[in-house]
Amino acid sequence: MSGVISTTTNESTLCGTLCYLDFDVDNSLSKRSLTAHFVASTSLRYGLTSNSINDLGGSEIKRLRGYFSADYEFNSRGEIEPEPMRTNVRIVVKLHTEECPLACENFVKLCEGNDGKVGESGKSQTYESCNVHRVQSDFVLQSGDFVFGNGTGGESVYGKKFKDERPGLSKKHDRAGVLSMGNSGKNSNTSQFFITFSPAPQCDGKHVVFGEVVSGFDALDYIHKTAGTPLGQPSKPVVITNCGIFNADTQPSLGFWLNVPDDSFSGSTPVFYSWPRILIIAPTPAAFDRFKVQCLLHCFCKISSHVPLDSSSDCSELGEGYDLVIVAPAVKDKINFDRIRNAKVAKPNEVASLLQETFAGYILDTRK
C-alpha cells in the first residue's frame, strides 16, 4: 500500500518488553523543584532546621508558603508546592511484542529516544517532553504527537505511516489500562497512542491494541481525575517527563521526580525518589503491624500483607509486582523461595538494614 510501512522486525529483541512513562500534571515538578530551591537558598534567612526540603518538619513545611509569598527575591518565580509528594507519576506498560512487533518496536524506540534521531518533521523522535493532548473523561489519555503537541501530527520511527497489525485489531478495549495506537484511519499509525480509562468498545477493530498497563493505575486515575474533561481538552497541563525501557530488577515502579539543587545553587540534578512496594508475609495481623511500623519509620512505601492460613497455602504468585517480600521467620517454612522474587526472611528489628541492603541503588522518599 502506497506510503505505508509493512516491514518485519526482530521479535526476539522485544520479547517480554516493559516500558515506563513518567507524567507531570499541572506543572507539579516545577512547583516542587522551586520549593526545594527556595529552601536550599533561604534556610538560614528563615531559621529552618535544614536546607533540604526532605529534612524539614511538618510545622516548617506549613510555614513555607508564608515565607515564600513575602520573599521579594523568590515570589515572582512561580508557584510552590511544599507538601510531600504522594502521587505516583510512573506508569509501566507491558507490550504485546509477538502479536504487534511493528507497533511495539516503534513505541520502544520512541520511549528510548530513537538514538537521538531527528525525523522528517525536524523534531527529535522521542516521547520525552511530549504533551498529553487529550484527557477525555471515562475514555482515554492520548499522547505521542511530538511534532505539534496537539494531536494533529505524529511520526513513526519507520519514516512513514505503518500498517495495522491484525492480531492487535482483534484485541478488545475492554477495561482500563489498554494501550492502543492512535490513528486517522486504516493503516495510518505513526507515534500517537492512547491508554483507556475505562472500556472503550467503540475503538475495537479500528485501533491496534499493542500493550497494557501493569503498574501505575493510581497515576492513570490521578490524571483522569485531575485533568479529564468531557471533550478531552486537558483541564491542566499533562506532560511525559521521562520514559524508557523498564527493568523490574533495577528500577522502582513507583515514585516521583524532583530537581534537587546543587551545592553551588547554580543548577539542579533530576532525582527519582522511589516508593518501594513491599509485601509482608506474617503469621498474624499483629505481627504484620510490627513489620509495617518499622518499614514506615525509614521510608514512604506501599505495603501489602498476607497471612498464610496453613502449610498448604500457595504463596508462589504473591511476589509478582513487589520490590521486596519480607517473610517473618515463623512462616518461612511455608514459602517456596525459588518461586517468589525478592523474598527475604527478617525480624522486625532487622527491617532497617534489610531496606538499606535491598534498595542501595534507589533513592528512597524519607519525608513523613
Protein backbone atom coordinates (compact mmCIF):
# COMPACT_ATOMS: atom_id res chain seq x y z
CA MET A 1 0.00 0.00 0.00
CA SER A 2 1.48 3.35 -1.02
CA GLY A 3 3.08 5.34 1.77
CA VAL A 4 2.61 2.59 4.37
CA ILE A 5 5.43 0.66 6.02
CA SER A 6 4.89 -3.10 6.29
CA THR A 7 8.36 -4.34 7.21
CA THR A 8 9.02 -7.04 9.80
CA THR A 9 11.04 -6.65 13.00
CA ASN A 10 13.32 -8.77 15.12
CA GLU A 11 10.78 -10.02 17.65
CA SER A 12 13.42 -11.70 19.84
CA THR A 13 14.82 -8.31 20.83
CA LEU A 14 11.41 -7.17 22.03
CA CYS A 15 10.16 -10.29 23.81
CA GLY A 16 8.64 -9.50 27.19
CA THR A 17 9.38 -5.78 26.91
CA LEU A 18 8.22 -3.40 29.64
CA CYS A 19 8.32 0.37 29.21
CA TYR A 20 7.72 3.22 31.63
CA LEU A 21 6.16 6.64 31.14
CA ASP A 22 6.55 9.33 33.82
CA PHE A 23 3.95 12.12 33.82
CA ASP A 24 3.90 15.63 35.24
CA VAL A 25 0.44 17.03 35.99
CA ASP A 26 -0.27 20.76 36.44
CA ASN A 27 3.46 21.63 36.46
CA SER A 28 3.89 19.85 39.79
CA LEU A 29 7.55 19.06 39.09
CA SER A 30 8.35 22.73 38.51
CA LYS A 31 6.46 23.79 41.66
CA ARG A 32 8.13 21.19 43.89
CA SER A 33 11.56 21.91 42.43
CA LEU A 34 11.12 25.64 43.06
CA THR A 35 10.20 24.77 46.66
CA ALA A 36 13.39 22.74 47.05
CA HIS A 37 15.47 25.58 45.61
CA PHE A 38 13.75 28.11 47.89
CA VAL A 39 14.50 26.04 50.99
CA ALA A 40 18.12 25.44 49.93
CA SER A 41 18.70 29.14 49.36
CA THR A 42 16.84 30.68 52.32
CA SER A 43 17.07 28.17 55.17
CA LEU A 44 19.34 30.46 57.22
CA ARG A 45 17.23 33.51 56.47
CA TYR A 46 14.09 31.89 57.90
CA GLY A 47 15.71 29.79 60.61
CA LEU A 48 14.85 26.43 59.06
CA THR A 49 16.44 23.33 60.58
CA SER A 50 17.79 22.13 57.22
CA ASN A 51 18.48 23.40 53.73
CA SER A 52 16.93 20.21 52.31
CA ILE A 53 13.18 20.06 51.79
CA ASN A 54 13.33 16.35 52.64
CA ASP A 55 14.52 17.02 56.20
CA LEU A 56 12.05 19.70 57.29
CA GLY A 57 9.41 19.00 59.92
CA GLY A 58 5.69 19.37 59.44
CA SER A 59 5.39 22.75 61.14
CA GLU A 60 8.18 24.16 58.97
CA ILE A 61 6.50 22.85 55.82
CA LYS A 62 3.30 24.67 56.81
CA ARG A 63 5.15 27.98 57.14
CA LEU A 64 6.89 27.81 53.76
CA ARG A 65 4.04 29.32 51.74
CA GLY A 66 4.01 32.37 54.01
CA TYR A 67 7.77 32.79 53.80
CA PHE A 68 7.65 32.40 50.01
CA SER A 69 4.83 34.89 49.44
CA ALA A 70 6.70 37.54 51.45
CA ASP A 71 10.07 36.89 49.84
CA TYR A 72 10.68 39.52 47.14
CA GLU A 73 13.56 37.52 45.65
CA PHE A 74 11.54 34.35 45.01
CA ASN A 75 7.81 35.09 44.92
CA SER A 76 7.86 36.24 41.30
CA ARG A 77 9.36 32.97 40.05
CA GLY A 78 6.14 30.97 40.12
CA GLU A 79 4.16 28.76 42.49
CA ILE A 80 5.49 26.35 45.09
CA GLU A 81 4.21 23.00 46.35
CA PRO A 82 5.73 22.34 49.80
CA GLU A 83 3.68 19.33 50.87
CA PRO A 84 5.21 15.84 50.48
CA MET A 85 4.51 14.33 47.07
CA ARG A 86 2.08 11.45 47.46
CA THR A 87 1.03 10.94 43.86
CA ASN A 88 2.92 8.32 41.87
CA VAL A 89 3.98 9.62 38.44
CA ARG A 90 5.07 6.37 36.79
CA ILE A 91 3.02 4.08 34.54
CA VAL A 92 4.59 0.79 33.44
CA VAL A 93 3.21 -0.97 30.37
CA LYS A 94 3.76 -4.47 29.05
CA LEU A 95 3.94 -4.72 25.26
CA HIS A 96 2.34 -7.43 23.11
CA THR A 97 5.53 -7.92 21.13
CA GLU A 98 4.64 -11.20 19.44
CA GLU A 99 1.28 -10.03 18.12
CA CYS A 100 2.26 -6.45 17.22
CA PRO A 101 6.01 -6.20 16.57
CA LEU A 102 5.72 -3.08 14.39
CA ALA A 103 3.76 -1.05 16.92
CA CYS A 104 5.90 -2.30 19.79
CA GLU A 105 9.25 -1.55 18.17
CA ASN A 106 8.00 1.91 17.25
CA PHE A 107 6.87 2.53 20.84
CA VAL A 108 10.09 1.19 22.38
CA LYS A 109 12.33 3.30 20.16
CA LEU A 110 10.32 6.44 20.86
CA CYS A 111 10.47 5.74 24.59
CA GLU A 112 14.25 5.40 24.30
CA GLY A 113 14.66 8.48 22.09
CA ASN A 114 15.47 6.54 18.90
CA ASP A 115 19.21 7.11 19.35
CA GLY A 116 18.75 10.87 19.12
CA LYS A 117 17.46 10.74 15.55
CA VAL A 118 15.57 13.65 14.06
CA GLY A 119 12.67 12.76 11.76
CA GLU A 120 11.47 14.33 8.52
CA SER A 121 9.47 16.77 10.66
CA GLY A 122 12.70 18.19 12.06
CA LYS A 123 11.71 17.09 15.57
CA SER A 124 13.60 14.65 17.79
CA GLN A 125 11.88 11.28 17.78
CA THR A 126 11.11 10.83 21.45
CA TYR A 127 8.15 10.79 23.80
CA GLU A 128 10.15 12.71 26.41
CA SER A 129 8.63 16.19 26.97
CA CYS A 130 5.65 15.23 24.81
CA ASN A 131 2.28 16.76 25.68
CA VAL A 132 -0.69 14.65 26.62
CA HIS A 133 -3.07 16.47 24.30
CA ARG A 134 -6.23 14.55 25.18
CA VAL A 135 -7.63 13.53 28.57
CA GLN A 136 -11.24 12.62 27.91
CA SER A 137 -13.25 11.65 30.97
CA ASP A 138 -14.19 7.95 31.14
CA PHE A 139 -12.48 7.37 27.80
CA VAL A 140 -8.76 7.83 27.09
CA LEU A 141 -5.47 9.58 27.75
CA GLN A 142 -3.80 10.30 24.39
CA SER A 143 -0.26 11.45 23.62
CA GLY A 144 2.63 10.84 21.25
CA ASP A 145 2.37 13.86 18.95
CA PHE A 146 5.91 15.15 19.41
CA VAL A 147 5.64 17.06 16.12
CA PHE A 148 2.95 19.62 17.02
CA GLY A 149 1.92 18.54 20.51
CA ASN A 150 -1.80 18.98 19.86
CA GLY A 151 -2.88 15.73 18.24
CA THR A 152 -2.64 16.86 14.64
CA GLY A 153 0.80 15.37 13.99
CA GLY A 154 2.98 12.38 14.62
CA GLU A 155 5.82 10.46 13.03
CA SER A 156 6.89 6.83 13.22
CA VAL A 157 10.47 5.62 13.50
CA TYR A 158 9.99 3.95 10.13
CA GLY A 159 9.73 7.31 8.37
CA LYS A 160 6.18 6.76 7.16
CA LYS A 161 2.83 5.57 8.44
CA PHE A 162 2.75 1.85 9.16
CA LYS A 163 0.08 -0.75 8.71
CA ASP A 164 -2.46 -2.07 11.20
CA GLU A 165 -1.42 -5.42 12.63
CA ARG A 166 -4.34 -7.82 12.51
CA PRO A 167 -3.76 -9.52 15.92
CA GLY A 168 -3.87 -6.09 17.56
CA LEU A 169 -7.05 -5.15 15.74
CA SER A 170 -8.72 -8.28 17.10
CA LYS A 171 -7.96 -7.39 20.73
CA LYS A 172 -10.61 -5.61 22.78
CA HIS A 173 -10.58 -2.27 24.57
CA ASP A 174 -12.48 -3.93 27.39
CA ARG A 175 -11.01 -2.38 30.54
CA ALA A 176 -8.92 0.43 31.94
CA GLY A 177 -5.21 0.38 31.06
CA VAL A 178 -5.39 -0.86 27.46
CA LEU A 179 -2.54 0.61 25.36
CA SER A 180 -3.55 1.23 21.75
CA MET A 181 -2.38 3.09 18.65
CA GLY A 182 -3.96 6.41 17.74
CA ASN A 183 -4.64 6.86 14.05
CA SER A 184 -6.51 8.92 11.46
CA GLY A 185 -7.93 5.90 9.65
CA LYS A 186 -6.93 2.50 8.37
CA ASN A 187 -3.16 1.81 8.18
CA SER A 188 -2.23 5.33 9.37
CA ASN A 189 -0.21 4.57 12.51
CA THR A 190 2.59 6.98 13.44
CA SER A 191 3.62 7.86 17.01
CA GLN A 192 0.33 8.67 18.73
CA PHE A 193 -1.02 6.25 21.31
CA PHE A 194 -3.74 6.19 23.92
CA ILE A 195 -4.44 4.46 27.23
CA THR A 196 -8.03 3.73 28.20
CA PHE A 197 -9.59 4.95 31.44
CA SER A 198 -12.49 2.52 31.07
CA PRO A 199 -13.87 0.05 28.50
CA ALA A 200 -13.96 1.64 25.03
CA PRO A 201 -15.71 -0.82 22.69
CA GLN A 202 -16.09 1.91 20.06
CA CYS A 203 -12.35 1.52 19.39
CA ASP A 204 -12.50 -2.25 18.80
CA GLY A 205 -11.41 -3.25 15.29
CA LYS A 206 -10.32 0.31 14.49
CA HIS A 207 -7.23 0.74 16.66
CA VAL A 208 -4.34 -1.68 17.21
CA VAL A 209 -4.06 -2.82 20.84
CA PHE A 210 -0.36 -3.44 21.46
CA GLY A 211 0.03 -3.40 25.25
CA GLU A 212 -1.45 -2.92 28.68
CA VAL A 213 -0.73 -1.13 31.94
CA VAL A 214 0.76 -3.46 34.57
CA SER A 215 1.71 -0.85 37.19
CA GLY A 216 0.71 2.73 37.89
CA PHE A 217 -3.06 2.58 37.76
CA ASP A 218 -3.01 5.16 40.56
CA ALA A 219 -1.13 7.56 38.26
CA LEU A 220 -3.60 6.86 35.46
CA ASP A 221 -6.52 7.51 37.79
CA TYR A 222 -4.93 10.74 39.08
CA ILE A 223 -4.52 12.10 35.55
CA HIS A 224 -8.14 11.18 34.83
CA LYS A 225 -9.49 12.91 37.94
CA THR A 226 -7.21 15.94 37.78
CA ALA A 227 -7.13 16.81 34.08
CA GLY A 228 -10.02 14.94 32.47
CA THR A 229 -12.81 16.82 30.68
CA PRO A 230 -15.90 15.67 28.74
CA LEU A 231 -14.48 16.87 25.40
CA GLY A 232 -10.89 15.80 26.06
CA GLN A 233 -9.07 19.13 26.25
CA PRO A 234 -6.98 18.68 29.44
CA SER A 235 -8.10 21.00 32.24
CA LYS A 236 -4.50 21.07 33.47
CA PRO A 237 -1.27 20.53 31.52
CA VAL A 238 -0.01 16.93 31.43
CA VAL A 239 3.44 16.11 30.03
CA ILE A 240 5.59 12.97 29.69
CA THR A 241 8.77 13.97 31.52
CA ASN A 242 10.74 10.71 31.29
CA CYS A 243 10.34 7.36 29.55
CA GLY A 244 12.27 4.27 28.52
CA ILE A 245 12.69 0.53 28.92
CA PHE A 246 11.68 -0.69 32.37
CA ASN A 247 13.76 -3.27 34.24
CA ALA A 248 11.88 -4.56 37.30
CA ASP A 249 15.11 -5.79 38.91
CA THR A 250 16.88 -2.44 38.90
CA GLN A 251 14.23 0.28 38.63
CA PRO A 252 11.48 1.38 41.03
CA SER A 253 7.94 1.15 39.73
CA LEU A 254 6.50 3.88 41.99
CA GLY A 255 7.71 7.35 42.92
CA PHE A 256 8.27 10.87 41.65
CA TRP A 257 10.90 13.21 40.22
CA LEU A 258 12.45 16.24 41.90
CA ASN A 259 15.09 18.64 40.59
CA VAL A 260 17.41 18.79 43.60
CA PRO A 261 19.50 21.98 43.92
CA ASP A 262 23.24 21.53 43.53
CA ASP A 263 25.51 22.55 46.41
CA SER A 264 26.56 25.64 44.47
CA PHE A 265 22.88 26.64 43.96
CA SER A 266 23.77 27.29 40.32
CA GLY A 267 21.86 24.31 38.96
CA SER A 268 19.96 21.17 39.86
CA THR A 269 20.05 17.41 39.39
CA PRO A 270 16.94 15.37 38.48
CA VAL A 271 16.39 12.69 41.13
CA PHE A 272 13.75 9.94 41.16
CA TYR A 273 12.54 9.28 44.70
CA SER A 274 11.16 5.77 44.88
CA TRP A 275 8.35 4.26 46.91
CA PRO A 276 9.09 0.55 47.31
CA ARG A 277 6.17 -1.82 47.02
CA ILE A 278 6.59 -4.21 49.93
CA LEU A 279 4.70 -7.40 50.70
CA ILE A 280 4.85 -8.64 54.29
CA ILE A 281 4.11 -12.32 54.88
CA ALA A 282 3.46 -12.69 58.60
CA PRO A 283 1.71 -15.27 60.82
CA THR A 284 -0.80 -12.84 62.37
CA PRO A 285 -2.18 -9.30 61.81
CA ALA A 286 -0.34 -8.15 64.94
CA ALA A 287 2.95 -9.43 63.56
CA PHE A 288 2.25 -7.68 60.26
CA ASP A 289 1.70 -4.38 62.12
CA ARG A 290 5.12 -4.65 63.78
CA PHE A 291 6.80 -5.03 60.39
CA LYS A 292 4.73 -2.23 58.87
CA VAL A 293 5.71 0.25 61.59
CA GLN A 294 9.41 -0.46 61.01
CA CYS A 295 9.07 -0.03 57.24
CA LEU A 296 7.29 3.32 57.52
CA LEU A 297 9.83 4.60 60.04
CA HIS A 298 12.52 4.51 57.38
CA CYS A 299 10.76 5.45 54.13
CA PHE A 300 7.44 6.11 52.47
CA CYS A 301 6.35 2.87 50.85
CA LYS A 302 3.33 0.95 49.61
CA ILE A 303 2.71 -2.02 51.91
CA SER A 304 0.51 -5.07 51.47
CA SER A 305 0.02 -8.04 53.77
CA HIS A 306 -0.51 -11.75 53.51
CA VAL A 307 -1.20 -14.08 56.42
CA PRO A 308 -0.70 -17.76 55.45
CA LEU A 309 -3.52 -19.87 56.82
CA ASP A 310 -1.76 -23.21 56.87
CA SER A 311 1.15 -25.11 55.41
CA SER A 312 -0.79 -25.77 52.21
CA SER A 313 -1.13 -22.05 51.38
CA ASP A 314 0.22 -21.37 47.91
CA CYS A 315 2.30 -18.19 48.03
CA SER A 316 4.10 -18.75 44.72
CA GLU A 317 2.35 -15.87 42.94
CA LEU A 318 2.47 -13.42 45.82
CA GLY A 319 5.75 -11.78 44.88
CA GLU A 320 4.55 -10.51 41.49
CA GLY A 321 4.72 -6.74 41.31
CA TYR A 322 6.62 -6.19 44.58
CA ASP A 323 10.10 -4.75 45.05
CA LEU A 324 10.60 -6.65 48.30
CA VAL A 325 8.83 -9.52 50.05
CA ILE A 326 9.54 -9.66 53.80
CA VAL A 327 8.93 -13.09 55.31
CA ALA A 328 8.59 -13.49 59.07
CA PRO A 329 10.77 -16.32 60.45
CA ALA A 330 7.66 -18.04 61.86
CA VAL A 331 6.30 -18.72 58.35
CA LYS A 332 9.49 -19.20 56.33
CA ASP A 333 8.90 -22.96 56.02
CA LYS A 334 5.65 -22.28 54.16
CA ILE A 335 7.37 -20.27 51.44
CA ASN A 336 8.98 -21.56 48.26
CA PHE A 337 11.77 -19.02 47.91
CA ASP A 338 12.64 -20.25 44.43
CA ARG A 339 9.26 -19.05 43.19
CA ILE A 340 8.96 -15.68 44.92
CA ARG A 341 11.06 -12.85 43.58
CA ASN A 342 12.93 -10.70 46.12
CA ALA A 343 11.79 -12.68 49.19
CA LYS A 344 13.90 -12.17 52.32
CA VAL A 345 13.48 -13.55 55.87
CA ALA A 346 13.76 -10.91 58.58
CA LYS A 347 12.63 -9.93 62.06
CA PRO A 348 11.01 -6.52 62.68
CA ASN A 349 14.23 -5.16 64.21
CA GLU A 350 16.12 -6.15 61.05
CA VAL A 351 13.88 -4.22 58.67
CA ALA A 352 16.06 -1.08 58.59
CA SER A 353 19.18 -2.93 57.45
CA LEU A 354 17.13 -5.02 55.01
CA LEU A 355 15.72 -1.89 53.35
CA GLN A 356 19.19 -0.37 53.15
CA GLU A 357 20.63 -3.52 51.57
CA THR A 358 17.77 -4.14 49.14
CA PHE A 359 17.39 -0.59 47.91
CA ALA A 360 21.03 0.50 47.94
CA GLY A 361 20.71 1.60 44.31
CA TYR A 362 17.47 3.55 44.90
CA ILE A 363 16.91 6.97 46.45
CA LEU A 364 14.08 6.46 48.92
CA ASP A 365 11.50 9.06 49.85
CA THR A 366 12.04 9.64 53.57
CA ARG A 367 9.61 12.55 54.02
CA LYS A 368 6.95 11.78 56.62
